[in-house]
Amino acid sequence: MKKLLMSGYRSYELQIFSEQDIKLKYLKAYLKNELKRLIEEGWGWFICSGQLGVEQWSAEVVNDLKMEYPHIKLAIFLPYMDFGHNWNEDHQQKLQLLLHQADYVNYTSKHPYTSPTQLSANQQFLIHHTDGLLFIYDEEYPGKAKYLKQTIERMNLEREYSIMQTHLSELELFVADHPHLFSQKPNSDF
């Protein structure tokens, strides 16, 4: 089975601060459509590093899709041992639930946080051990995901690596094309 890395913006970068935010509901609907298409194309392992935002939302959607596609798997490779320990209690609980639901969990560093190099090493490991990337990111609106994009560019991969990048304008089009999904539209753009 092909292995897909899922990443993108953090929740605060998209101005999504609540599970009830209509933007989040549309984003998860978009992710569900994309992930279903990719599953039908043969992608079977879905991998992230547990970051808040697109990574965790993608993991939640994968877990939901397991009912329809019981063969798919979720793996979470945390960048270091105490990852998320400084988050608020709600975010810590959400991460623990995702870790409990994942089919495989591991760390790319067996030590607590010591430096940003652990995050970089995590990204390199994930890129080396996946066949492609589902990436919610727009160069016009840089965020922390720019470091993943830069890592991929620096690595000059000597193998085919699929990057399925979604720009914010594509999310806006998805909302416009699917007004029937929810009773309201987002108050602001992505």
N, C-alpha and C. Protein backbone atom coordinates (compact mmCIF):
# COMPACT_ATOMS: atom_id res chain seq x y z
N MET A 1 0.84 -1.19 0.00
CA MET A 1 0.00 0.00 0.00
C MET A 1 0.88 1.25 0.00
N LYS A 2 0.44 2.23 -0.75
CA LYS A 2 1.18 3.49 -0.78
C LYS A 2 0.94 4.26 0.51
N LYS A 3 1.97 4.99 0.93
CA LYS A 3 1.93 5.73 2.19
C LYS A 3 1.86 7.23 1.92
N LEU A 4 0.88 7.90 2.53
CA LEU A 4 0.64 9.32 2.30
C LEU A 4 0.90 10.13 3.57
N LEU A 5 1.73 11.13 3.45
CA LEU A 5 1.95 12.10 4.52
C LEU A 5 0.88 13.17 4.39
N MET A 6 0.27 13.57 5.51
CA MET A 6 -0.77 14.59 5.51
C MET A 6 -0.29 15.76 6.37
N SER A 7 -0.33 16.97 5.78
CA SER A 7 0.14 18.13 6.55
C SER A 7 -0.46 19.41 5.99
N GLY A 8 -0.13 20.50 6.66
CA GLY A 8 -0.61 21.81 6.23
C GLY A 8 -0.65 22.79 7.38
N TYR A 9 -1.56 23.72 7.26
CA TYR A 9 -1.65 24.80 8.23
C TYR A 9 -2.01 24.31 9.63
N ARG A 10 -1.56 25.07 10.63
CA ARG A 10 -1.99 24.87 12.01
C ARG A 10 -3.37 25.53 12.14
N SER A 11 -4.11 25.13 13.14
CA SER A 11 -5.47 25.64 13.32
C SER A 11 -5.50 27.16 13.45
N TYR A 12 -4.60 27.73 14.22
CA TYR A 12 -4.61 29.19 14.41
C TYR A 12 -4.25 29.93 13.14
N GLU A 13 -3.49 29.31 12.24
CA GLU A 13 -3.13 29.96 10.98
C GLU A 13 -4.34 30.09 10.06
N LEU A 14 -5.31 29.22 10.24
CA LEU A 14 -6.56 29.28 9.48
C LEU A 14 -7.66 29.99 10.27
N GLN A 15 -7.29 30.51 11.43
CA GLN A 15 -8.26 31.20 12.29
C GLN A 15 -9.43 30.28 12.67
N ILE A 16 -9.10 29.01 12.93
CA ILE A 16 -10.10 28.05 13.38
C ILE A 16 -9.77 27.72 14.83
N PHE A 17 -10.66 28.11 15.73
CA PHE A 17 -10.40 27.96 17.16
C PHE A 17 -11.43 27.08 17.86
N SER A 18 -12.37 26.54 17.10
CA SER A 18 -13.43 25.75 17.71
C SER A 18 -13.80 24.59 16.78
N GLU A 19 -14.13 23.48 17.38
CA GLU A 19 -14.59 22.32 16.61
C GLU A 19 -15.92 22.63 15.92
N GLN A 20 -16.63 23.65 16.38
CA GLN A 20 -17.93 24.01 15.81
C GLN A 20 -17.80 24.99 14.65
N ASP A 21 -16.60 25.49 14.38
CA ASP A 21 -16.39 26.47 13.32
C ASP A 21 -16.82 25.87 11.98
N ILE A 22 -17.64 26.58 11.25
CA ILE A 22 -18.14 26.09 9.97
C ILE A 22 -17.01 25.89 8.96
N LYS A 23 -15.94 26.69 9.07
CA LYS A 23 -14.78 26.50 8.18
C LYS A 23 -14.17 25.12 8.40
N LEU A 24 -14.12 24.68 9.65
CA LEU A 24 -13.58 23.36 9.95
C LEU A 24 -14.46 22.27 9.35
N LYS A 25 -15.76 22.46 9.43
CA LYS A 25 -16.67 21.45 8.86
C LYS A 25 -16.46 21.33 7.34
N TYR A 26 -16.31 22.46 6.67
CA TYR A 26 -16.05 22.41 5.23
C TYR A 26 -14.67 21.82 4.94
N LEU A 27 -13.68 22.18 5.74
CA LEU A 27 -12.34 21.65 5.52
C LEU A 27 -12.33 20.13 5.69
N LYS A 28 -13.01 19.63 6.71
CA LYS A 28 -13.07 18.17 6.90
C LYS A 28 -13.84 17.50 5.76
N ALA A 29 -14.88 18.16 5.25
CA ALA A 29 -15.62 17.59 4.11
C ALA A 29 -14.70 17.53 2.89
N TYR A 30 -13.90 18.58 2.70
CA TYR A 30 -12.94 18.58 1.59
C TYR A 30 -11.93 17.45 1.78
N LEU A 31 -11.38 17.33 2.97
CA LEU A 31 -10.40 16.27 3.25
C LEU A 31 -11.02 14.90 3.02
N LYS A 32 -12.25 14.73 3.42
CA LYS A 32 -12.92 13.44 3.23
C LYS A 32 -13.02 13.10 1.75
N ASN A 33 -13.41 14.06 0.93
CA ASN A 33 -13.48 13.83 -0.53
C ASN A 33 -12.12 13.46 -1.09
N GLU A 34 -11.09 14.22 -0.70
CA GLU A 34 -9.74 13.96 -1.21
C GLU A 34 -9.22 12.60 -0.75
N LEU A 35 -9.40 12.29 0.52
CA LEU A 35 -8.89 11.03 1.04
C LEU A 35 -9.63 9.84 0.44
N LYS A 36 -10.92 9.95 0.22
CA LYS A 36 -11.66 8.86 -0.43
C LYS A 36 -11.12 8.62 -1.83
N ARG A 37 -10.87 9.71 -2.56
CA ARG A 37 -10.31 9.58 -3.92
C ARG A 37 -8.95 8.88 -3.87
N LEU A 38 -8.12 9.26 -2.91
CA LEU A 38 -6.79 8.67 -2.79
C LEU A 38 -6.84 7.21 -2.36
N ILE A 39 -7.77 6.88 -1.50
CA ILE A 39 -7.95 5.48 -1.10
C ILE A 39 -8.32 4.65 -2.31
N GLU A 40 -9.22 5.16 -3.14
CA GLU A 40 -9.63 4.45 -4.36
C GLU A 40 -8.45 4.29 -5.33
N GLU A 41 -7.46 5.19 -5.24
CA GLU A 41 -6.27 5.12 -6.08
C GLU A 41 -5.19 4.21 -5.50
N GLY A 42 -5.41 3.64 -4.32
CA GLY A 42 -4.46 2.68 -3.77
C GLY A 42 -3.65 3.16 -2.58
N TRP A 43 -3.89 4.36 -2.10
CA TRP A 43 -3.18 4.82 -0.90
C TRP A 43 -3.81 4.12 0.30
N GLY A 44 -2.99 3.56 1.19
CA GLY A 44 -3.53 2.78 2.30
C GLY A 44 -3.05 3.18 3.68
N TRP A 45 -1.84 3.72 3.76
CA TRP A 45 -1.31 4.21 5.03
C TRP A 45 -1.35 5.73 4.99
N PHE A 46 -1.89 6.33 6.05
CA PHE A 46 -2.01 7.78 6.16
C PHE A 46 -1.24 8.20 7.41
N ILE A 47 -0.30 9.11 7.21
CA ILE A 47 0.72 9.39 8.22
C ILE A 47 0.80 10.88 8.52
N CYS A 48 0.99 11.21 9.79
CA CYS A 48 1.21 12.60 10.19
C CYS A 48 2.10 12.62 11.43
N SER A 49 2.46 13.84 11.84
CA SER A 49 3.31 13.99 13.03
C SER A 49 2.52 14.48 14.24
N GLY A 50 1.21 14.59 14.12
CA GLY A 50 0.37 14.95 15.26
C GLY A 50 0.20 16.43 15.52
N GLN A 51 0.68 17.28 14.60
CA GLN A 51 0.56 18.72 14.79
C GLN A 51 -0.90 19.13 14.83
N LEU A 52 -1.19 20.19 15.59
CA LEU A 52 -2.53 20.78 15.61
C LEU A 52 -2.88 21.29 14.23
N GLY A 53 -4.14 21.23 13.87
CA GLY A 53 -4.59 21.76 12.59
C GLY A 53 -4.81 20.67 11.57
N VAL A 54 -4.35 20.91 10.35
CA VAL A 54 -4.62 20.01 9.22
C VAL A 54 -4.18 18.58 9.52
N GLU A 55 -3.06 18.40 10.20
CA GLU A 55 -2.60 17.03 10.47
C GLU A 55 -3.58 16.27 11.35
N GLN A 56 -4.00 16.88 12.45
CA GLN A 56 -4.95 16.18 13.32
C GLN A 56 -6.31 16.04 12.67
N TRP A 57 -6.76 17.06 11.95
CA TRP A 57 -8.06 16.96 11.28
C TRP A 57 -8.03 15.86 10.23
N SER A 58 -6.93 15.74 9.49
CA SER A 58 -6.80 14.67 8.50
C SER A 58 -6.84 13.31 9.18
N ALA A 59 -6.16 13.20 10.31
CA ALA A 59 -6.15 11.93 11.06
C ALA A 59 -7.56 11.58 11.52
N GLU A 60 -8.32 12.57 11.98
CA GLU A 60 -9.70 12.31 12.39
C GLU A 60 -10.54 11.81 11.22
N VAL A 61 -10.35 12.41 10.06
CA VAL A 61 -11.10 11.99 8.87
C VAL A 61 -10.71 10.56 8.48
N VAL A 62 -9.42 10.24 8.54
CA VAL A 62 -8.98 8.86 8.25
C VAL A 62 -9.67 7.90 9.21
N ASN A 63 -9.70 8.22 10.49
CA ASN A 63 -10.37 7.34 11.45
C ASN A 63 -11.84 7.17 11.11
N ASP A 64 -12.51 8.24 10.70
CA ASP A 64 -13.91 8.14 10.29
C ASP A 64 -14.07 7.25 9.06
N LEU A 65 -13.13 7.34 8.12
CA LEU A 65 -13.22 6.57 6.88
C LEU A 65 -12.93 5.09 7.08
N LYS A 66 -12.38 4.71 8.21
CA LYS A 66 -12.11 3.29 8.48
C LYS A 66 -13.39 2.46 8.50
N MET A 67 -14.51 3.09 8.79
CA MET A 67 -15.79 2.37 8.76
C MET A 67 -16.10 1.91 7.34
N GLU A 68 -15.82 2.77 6.38
CA GLU A 68 -16.10 2.47 4.98
C GLU A 68 -14.95 1.71 4.31
N TYR A 69 -13.74 1.98 4.77
CA TYR A 69 -12.53 1.36 4.21
C TYR A 69 -11.72 0.74 5.35
N PRO A 70 -12.12 -0.43 5.83
CA PRO A 70 -11.46 -1.00 7.01
C PRO A 70 -9.99 -1.38 6.81
N HIS A 71 -9.53 -1.40 5.57
CA HIS A 71 -8.14 -1.78 5.32
C HIS A 71 -7.15 -0.62 5.50
N ILE A 72 -7.63 0.62 5.57
CA ILE A 72 -6.70 1.75 5.67
C ILE A 72 -6.13 1.84 7.08
N LYS A 73 -4.96 2.45 7.18
CA LYS A 73 -4.24 2.55 8.45
C LYS A 73 -3.78 3.98 8.70
N LEU A 74 -3.74 4.34 9.97
CA LEU A 74 -3.24 5.64 10.40
C LEU A 74 -2.00 5.44 11.25
N ALA A 75 -0.93 6.16 10.90
CA ALA A 75 0.31 6.15 11.70
C ALA A 75 0.63 7.58 12.11
N ILE A 76 1.06 7.73 13.35
CA ILE A 76 1.47 9.03 13.85
C ILE A 76 2.90 8.90 14.37
N PHE A 77 3.80 9.68 13.78
CA PHE A 77 5.20 9.72 14.19
C PHE A 77 5.46 11.06 14.85
N LEU A 78 5.45 11.08 16.16
CA LEU A 78 5.68 12.31 16.90
C LEU A 78 7.16 12.68 16.82
N PRO A 79 7.48 13.99 16.79
CA PRO A 79 8.87 14.39 16.62
C PRO A 79 9.76 14.17 17.83
N TYR A 80 9.18 14.08 19.04
CA TYR A 80 9.97 13.85 20.26
C TYR A 80 9.04 13.35 21.35
N MET A 81 9.64 12.85 22.44
CA MET A 81 8.89 12.14 23.48
C MET A 81 7.81 12.97 24.18
N ASP A 82 8.07 14.20 24.52
CA ASP A 82 7.09 14.97 25.28
C ASP A 82 6.28 15.92 24.37
N PHE A 83 6.13 15.51 23.13
CA PHE A 83 5.41 16.34 22.16
C PHE A 83 4.01 16.65 22.68
N GLY A 84 3.63 17.93 22.64
CA GLY A 84 2.31 18.38 23.04
C GLY A 84 2.14 18.61 24.53
N HIS A 85 3.16 18.36 25.33
CA HIS A 85 3.00 18.48 26.79
C HIS A 85 2.70 19.91 27.24
N ASN A 86 3.07 20.90 26.44
CA ASN A 86 2.83 22.29 26.82
C ASN A 86 1.53 22.85 26.21
N TRP A 87 0.76 22.02 25.54
CA TRP A 87 -0.52 22.45 24.98
C TRP A 87 -1.55 22.56 26.09
N ASN A 88 -2.65 23.26 25.79
CA ASN A 88 -3.73 23.31 26.80
C ASN A 88 -4.35 21.92 26.93
N GLU A 89 -5.11 21.75 28.00
CA GLU A 89 -5.64 20.42 28.33
C GLU A 89 -6.51 19.83 27.22
N ASP A 90 -7.34 20.65 26.59
CA ASP A 90 -8.19 20.15 25.50
C ASP A 90 -7.35 19.61 24.34
N HIS A 91 -6.32 20.35 23.95
CA HIS A 91 -5.46 19.90 22.85
C HIS A 91 -4.69 18.65 23.23
N GLN A 92 -4.25 18.56 24.47
CA GLN A 92 -3.55 17.35 24.92
C GLN A 92 -4.47 16.14 24.88
N GLN A 93 -5.71 16.32 25.31
CA GLN A 93 -6.67 15.20 25.29
C GLN A 93 -6.98 14.76 23.86
N LYS A 94 -7.10 15.73 22.97
CA LYS A 94 -7.38 15.40 21.57
C LYS A 94 -6.22 14.60 20.98
N LEU A 95 -4.98 15.02 21.28
CA LEU A 95 -3.82 14.28 20.79
C LEU A 95 -3.81 12.87 21.36
N GLN A 96 -4.08 12.72 22.65
CA GLN A 96 -4.08 11.40 23.27
C GLN A 96 -5.13 10.49 22.64
N LEU A 97 -6.29 11.04 22.32
CA LEU A 97 -7.33 10.26 21.66
C LEU A 97 -6.87 9.79 20.28
N LEU A 98 -6.25 10.69 19.52
CA LEU A 98 -5.75 10.31 18.19
C LEU A 98 -4.67 9.23 18.30
N LEU A 99 -3.79 9.37 19.29
CA LEU A 99 -2.74 8.36 19.47
C LEU A 99 -3.35 7.01 19.82
N HIS A 100 -4.39 7.02 20.63
CA HIS A 100 -5.09 5.79 21.01
C HIS A 100 -5.76 5.14 19.80
N GLN A 101 -6.29 5.96 18.89
CA GLN A 101 -7.02 5.44 17.73
C GLN A 101 -6.10 5.04 16.57
N ALA A 102 -4.87 5.51 16.59
CA ALA A 102 -3.95 5.23 15.48
C ALA A 102 -3.57 3.76 15.46
N ASP A 103 -3.26 3.27 14.27
CA ASP A 103 -2.82 1.89 14.12
C ASP A 103 -1.36 1.71 14.47
N TYR A 104 -0.60 2.81 14.41
CA TYR A 104 0.82 2.75 14.75
C TYR A 104 1.25 4.12 15.26
N VAL A 105 1.98 4.13 16.36
CA VAL A 105 2.50 5.37 16.94
C VAL A 105 3.97 5.14 17.28
N ASN A 106 4.80 6.15 16.96
CA ASN A 106 6.21 6.08 17.31
C ASN A 106 6.76 7.50 17.38
N TYR A 107 8.01 7.61 17.76
CA TYR A 107 8.70 8.89 17.88
C TYR A 107 9.94 8.85 17.00
N THR A 108 10.25 9.96 16.35
CA THR A 108 11.49 10.00 15.58
C THR A 108 12.66 10.41 16.46
N SER A 109 12.39 10.95 17.65
CA SER A 109 13.43 11.20 18.66
C SER A 109 12.93 10.60 19.96
N LYS A 110 13.73 9.79 20.59
CA LYS A 110 13.35 9.14 21.84
C LYS A 110 13.67 10.01 23.05
N HIS A 111 13.87 11.30 22.82
CA HIS A 111 14.21 12.24 23.89
C HIS A 111 13.16 13.33 23.97
N PRO A 112 13.05 14.01 25.12
CA PRO A 112 12.18 15.19 25.18
C PRO A 112 12.72 16.27 24.26
N TYR A 113 11.94 17.32 24.09
CA TYR A 113 12.35 18.41 23.19
C TYR A 113 13.67 19.02 23.66
N THR A 114 14.59 19.16 22.69
CA THR A 114 15.86 19.84 22.97
C THR A 114 16.14 20.94 21.97
N SER A 115 15.69 20.76 20.70
CA SER A 115 15.97 21.79 19.69
C SER A 115 15.08 21.60 18.47
N PRO A 116 15.00 22.64 17.63
CA PRO A 116 14.20 22.54 16.40
C PRO A 116 14.72 21.47 15.43
N THR A 117 15.93 21.00 15.62
CA THR A 117 16.44 19.96 14.72
C THR A 117 15.62 18.68 14.83
N GLN A 118 14.96 18.47 15.98
CA GLN A 118 14.10 17.29 16.12
C GLN A 118 12.89 17.39 15.18
N LEU A 119 12.39 18.61 15.01
CA LEU A 119 11.26 18.80 14.09
C LEU A 119 11.71 18.58 12.64
N SER A 120 12.87 19.09 12.31
CA SER A 120 13.42 18.90 10.97
C SER A 120 13.70 17.42 10.69
N ALA A 121 14.28 16.74 11.66
CA ALA A 121 14.56 15.31 11.50
C ALA A 121 13.26 14.52 11.33
N ASN A 122 12.21 14.93 12.03
CA ASN A 122 10.91 14.28 11.90
C ASN A 122 10.39 14.45 10.48
N GLN A 123 10.47 15.66 9.94
CA GLN A 123 10.00 15.90 8.58
C GLN A 123 10.79 15.07 7.57
N GLN A 124 12.11 15.02 7.72
CA GLN A 124 12.92 14.24 6.79
C GLN A 124 12.58 12.76 6.87
N PHE A 125 12.39 12.25 8.08
CA PHE A 125 12.01 10.85 8.25
C PHE A 125 10.68 10.57 7.55
N LEU A 126 9.69 11.44 7.78
CA LEU A 126 8.37 11.23 7.19
C LEU A 126 8.42 11.27 5.67
N ILE A 127 9.19 12.18 5.12
CA ILE A 127 9.31 12.27 3.66
C ILE A 127 9.99 11.01 3.11
N HIS A 128 11.04 10.56 3.77
CA HIS A 128 11.75 9.36 3.31
C HIS A 128 10.89 8.10 3.38
N HIS A 129 9.92 8.09 4.28
CA HIS A 129 9.12 6.89 4.49
C HIS A 129 7.70 6.99 3.96
N THR A 130 7.45 7.95 3.09
CA THR A 130 6.15 8.06 2.44
C THR A 130 6.34 8.21 0.94
N ASP A 131 5.25 8.02 0.21
CA ASP A 131 5.30 8.10 -1.25
C ASP A 131 4.72 9.39 -1.78
N GLY A 132 4.08 10.17 -0.90
CA GLY A 132 3.48 11.41 -1.35
C GLY A 132 2.97 12.22 -0.18
N LEU A 133 2.51 13.42 -0.51
CA LEU A 133 2.07 14.38 0.49
C LEU A 133 0.75 15.01 0.08
N LEU A 134 -0.23 14.96 0.99
CA LEU A 134 -1.45 15.74 0.85
C LEU A 134 -1.21 16.99 1.68
N PHE A 135 -1.20 18.16 1.02
CA PHE A 135 -0.67 19.37 1.62
C PHE A 135 -1.64 20.52 1.45
N ILE A 136 -2.22 20.99 2.55
CA ILE A 136 -3.09 22.16 2.52
C ILE A 136 -2.20 23.35 2.82
N TYR A 137 -1.77 24.03 1.76
CA TYR A 137 -0.79 25.11 1.94
C TYR A 137 -0.79 26.02 0.72
N ASP A 138 -0.61 27.30 0.98
CA ASP A 138 -0.59 28.31 -0.08
C ASP A 138 0.61 29.22 0.15
N GLU A 139 1.49 29.29 -0.82
CA GLU A 139 2.70 30.10 -0.68
C GLU A 139 2.39 31.58 -0.43
N GLU A 140 1.22 32.04 -0.87
CA GLU A 140 0.85 33.44 -0.65
C GLU A 140 0.60 33.74 0.82
N TYR A 141 0.30 32.72 1.60
CA TYR A 141 0.00 32.88 3.02
C TYR A 141 0.88 31.91 3.81
N PRO A 142 2.17 32.23 3.92
CA PRO A 142 3.09 31.29 4.57
C PRO A 142 2.72 31.05 6.03
N GLY A 143 2.96 29.87 6.45
CA GLY A 143 2.76 29.46 7.84
C GLY A 143 3.86 28.48 8.19
N LYS A 144 3.71 27.78 9.29
CA LYS A 144 4.74 26.83 9.72
C LYS A 144 4.95 25.69 8.72
N ALA A 145 3.96 25.40 7.92
CA ALA A 145 4.09 24.33 6.93
C ALA A 145 5.13 24.67 5.86
N LYS A 146 5.54 25.93 5.78
CA LYS A 146 6.57 26.30 4.80
C LYS A 146 7.86 25.53 5.06
N TYR A 147 8.11 25.16 6.32
CA TYR A 147 9.33 24.41 6.63
C TYR A 147 9.30 23.01 6.02
N LEU A 148 8.13 22.40 5.98
CA LEU A 148 8.01 21.10 5.32
C LEU A 148 8.26 21.24 3.83
N LYS A 149 7.67 22.26 3.23
CA LYS A 149 7.88 22.51 1.80
C LYS A 149 9.36 22.74 1.50
N GLN A 150 10.04 23.53 2.34
CA GLN A 150 11.47 23.79 2.15
C GLN A 150 12.29 22.52 2.32
N THR A 151 11.90 21.68 3.27
CA THR A 151 12.62 20.42 3.48
C THR A 151 12.52 19.54 2.25
N ILE A 152 11.33 19.44 1.68
CA ILE A 152 11.16 18.63 0.46
C ILE A 152 12.02 19.19 -0.66
N GLU A 153 12.02 20.50 -0.84
CA GLU A 153 12.82 21.11 -1.91
C GLU A 153 14.31 20.88 -1.70
N ARG A 154 14.78 20.95 -0.45
CA ARG A 154 16.20 20.74 -0.14
C ARG A 154 16.63 19.29 -0.34
N MET A 155 15.71 18.38 -0.12
CA MET A 155 16.07 16.96 -0.16
C MET A 155 16.35 16.46 -1.57
N ASN A 156 15.86 17.15 -2.59
CA ASN A 156 16.08 16.69 -3.97
C ASN A 156 15.88 15.18 -4.06
N LEU A 157 14.68 14.75 -3.80
CA LEU A 157 14.39 13.32 -3.78
C LEU A 157 14.75 12.67 -5.11
N GLU A 158 15.37 11.52 -5.03
CA GLU A 158 15.79 10.79 -6.22
C GLU A 158 14.76 9.75 -6.62
N ARG A 159 13.56 9.93 -6.16
CA ARG A 159 12.47 9.02 -6.50
C ARG A 159 11.23 9.87 -6.73
N GLU A 160 10.24 9.27 -7.34
CA GLU A 160 8.99 10.00 -7.56
C GLU A 160 8.30 10.23 -6.21
N TYR A 161 7.91 11.45 -5.98
CA TYR A 161 7.21 11.81 -4.74
C TYR A 161 6.05 12.71 -5.12
N SER A 162 4.85 12.23 -4.91
CA SER A 162 3.65 12.96 -5.30
C SER A 162 3.32 14.04 -4.27
N ILE A 163 3.17 15.26 -4.73
CA ILE A 163 2.73 16.34 -3.85
C ILE A 163 1.38 16.83 -4.36
N MET A 164 0.37 16.59 -3.54
CA MET A 164 -1.00 17.01 -3.86
C MET A 164 -1.30 18.22 -2.99
N GLN A 165 -1.00 19.39 -3.52
CA GLN A 165 -1.12 20.62 -2.76
C GLN A 165 -2.44 21.30 -3.04
N THR A 166 -3.11 21.70 -1.98
CA THR A 166 -4.37 22.43 -2.08
C THR A 166 -4.12 23.86 -1.63
N HIS A 167 -4.42 24.80 -2.50
CA HIS A 167 -4.30 26.22 -2.17
C HIS A 167 -5.60 26.70 -1.53
N LEU A 168 -5.51 27.80 -0.81
CA LEU A 168 -6.69 28.33 -0.12
C LEU A 168 -7.82 28.66 -1.09
N SER A 169 -7.46 29.11 -2.30
CA SER A 169 -8.50 29.42 -3.29
C SER A 169 -9.29 28.16 -3.67
N GLU A 170 -8.64 27.01 -3.65
CA GLU A 170 -9.34 25.75 -3.94
C GLU A 170 -10.33 25.40 -2.84
N LEU A 171 -9.97 25.71 -1.59
CA LEU A 171 -10.92 25.49 -0.50
C LEU A 171 -12.13 26.41 -0.63
N GLU A 172 -11.87 27.66 -1.06
CA GLU A 172 -12.96 28.61 -1.28
C GLU A 172 -13.90 28.09 -2.38
N LEU A 173 -13.32 27.54 -3.45
CA LEU A 173 -14.14 26.97 -4.53
C LEU A 173 -14.96 25.78 -4.03
N PHE A 174 -14.34 24.97 -3.18
CA PHE A 174 -15.07 23.82 -2.62
C PHE A 174 -16.29 24.30 -1.85
N VAL A 175 -16.11 25.33 -1.02
CA VAL A 175 -17.24 25.88 -0.25
C VAL A 175 -18.32 26.39 -1.21
N ALA A 176 -17.90 27.13 -2.24
CA ALA A 176 -18.86 27.69 -3.20
C ALA A 176 -19.59 26.60 -3.98
N ASP A 177 -18.88 25.50 -4.28
CA ASP A 177 -19.48 24.41 -5.05
C ASP A 177 -20.34 23.46 -4.21
N HIS A 178 -20.26 23.57 -2.89
CA HIS A 178 -20.99 22.65 -2.01
C HIS A 178 -21.79 23.40 -0.95
N PRO A 179 -22.63 24.34 -1.38
CA PRO A 179 -23.39 25.12 -0.38
C PRO A 179 -24.40 24.29 0.40
N HIS A 180 -24.76 23.15 -0.13
CA HIS A 180 -25.77 22.29 0.48
C HIS A 180 -25.23 21.45 1.64
N LEU A 181 -23.92 21.37 1.83
CA LEU A 181 -23.35 20.50 2.85
C LEU A 181 -23.77 20.88 4.27
N PHE A 182 -23.79 22.17 4.53
CA PHE A 182 -24.09 22.64 5.87
C PHE A 182 -25.09 23.79 5.78
N SER A 183 -25.72 24.10 6.89
CA SER A 183 -26.79 25.11 6.88
C SER A 183 -26.25 26.54 6.74
N GLN A 184 -24.95 26.71 6.87
CA GLN A 184 -24.38 28.04 6.73
C GLN A 184 -23.05 27.98 6.00
N LYS A 185 -22.61 29.12 5.54
CA LYS A 185 -21.30 29.24 4.91
C LYS A 185 -20.36 29.93 5.89
N PRO A 186 -19.06 29.76 5.73
CA PRO A 186 -18.11 30.45 6.61
C PRO A 186 -18.30 31.96 6.56
N ASN A 187 -18.09 32.61 7.70
CA ASN A 187 -18.18 34.05 7.79
C ASN A 187 -16.98 34.74 7.13
N SER A 188 -15.87 34.03 7.04
CA SER A 188 -14.67 34.61 6.43
C SER A 188 -14.03 33.57 5.52
N ASP A 189 -13.14 34.06 4.67
CA ASP A 189 -12.42 33.18 3.75
C ASP A 189 -11.42 32.33 4.53
N PHE A 190 -10.96 31.29 3.87
CA PHE A 190 -9.88 30.48 4.43
C PHE A 190 -8.61 31.28 4.39
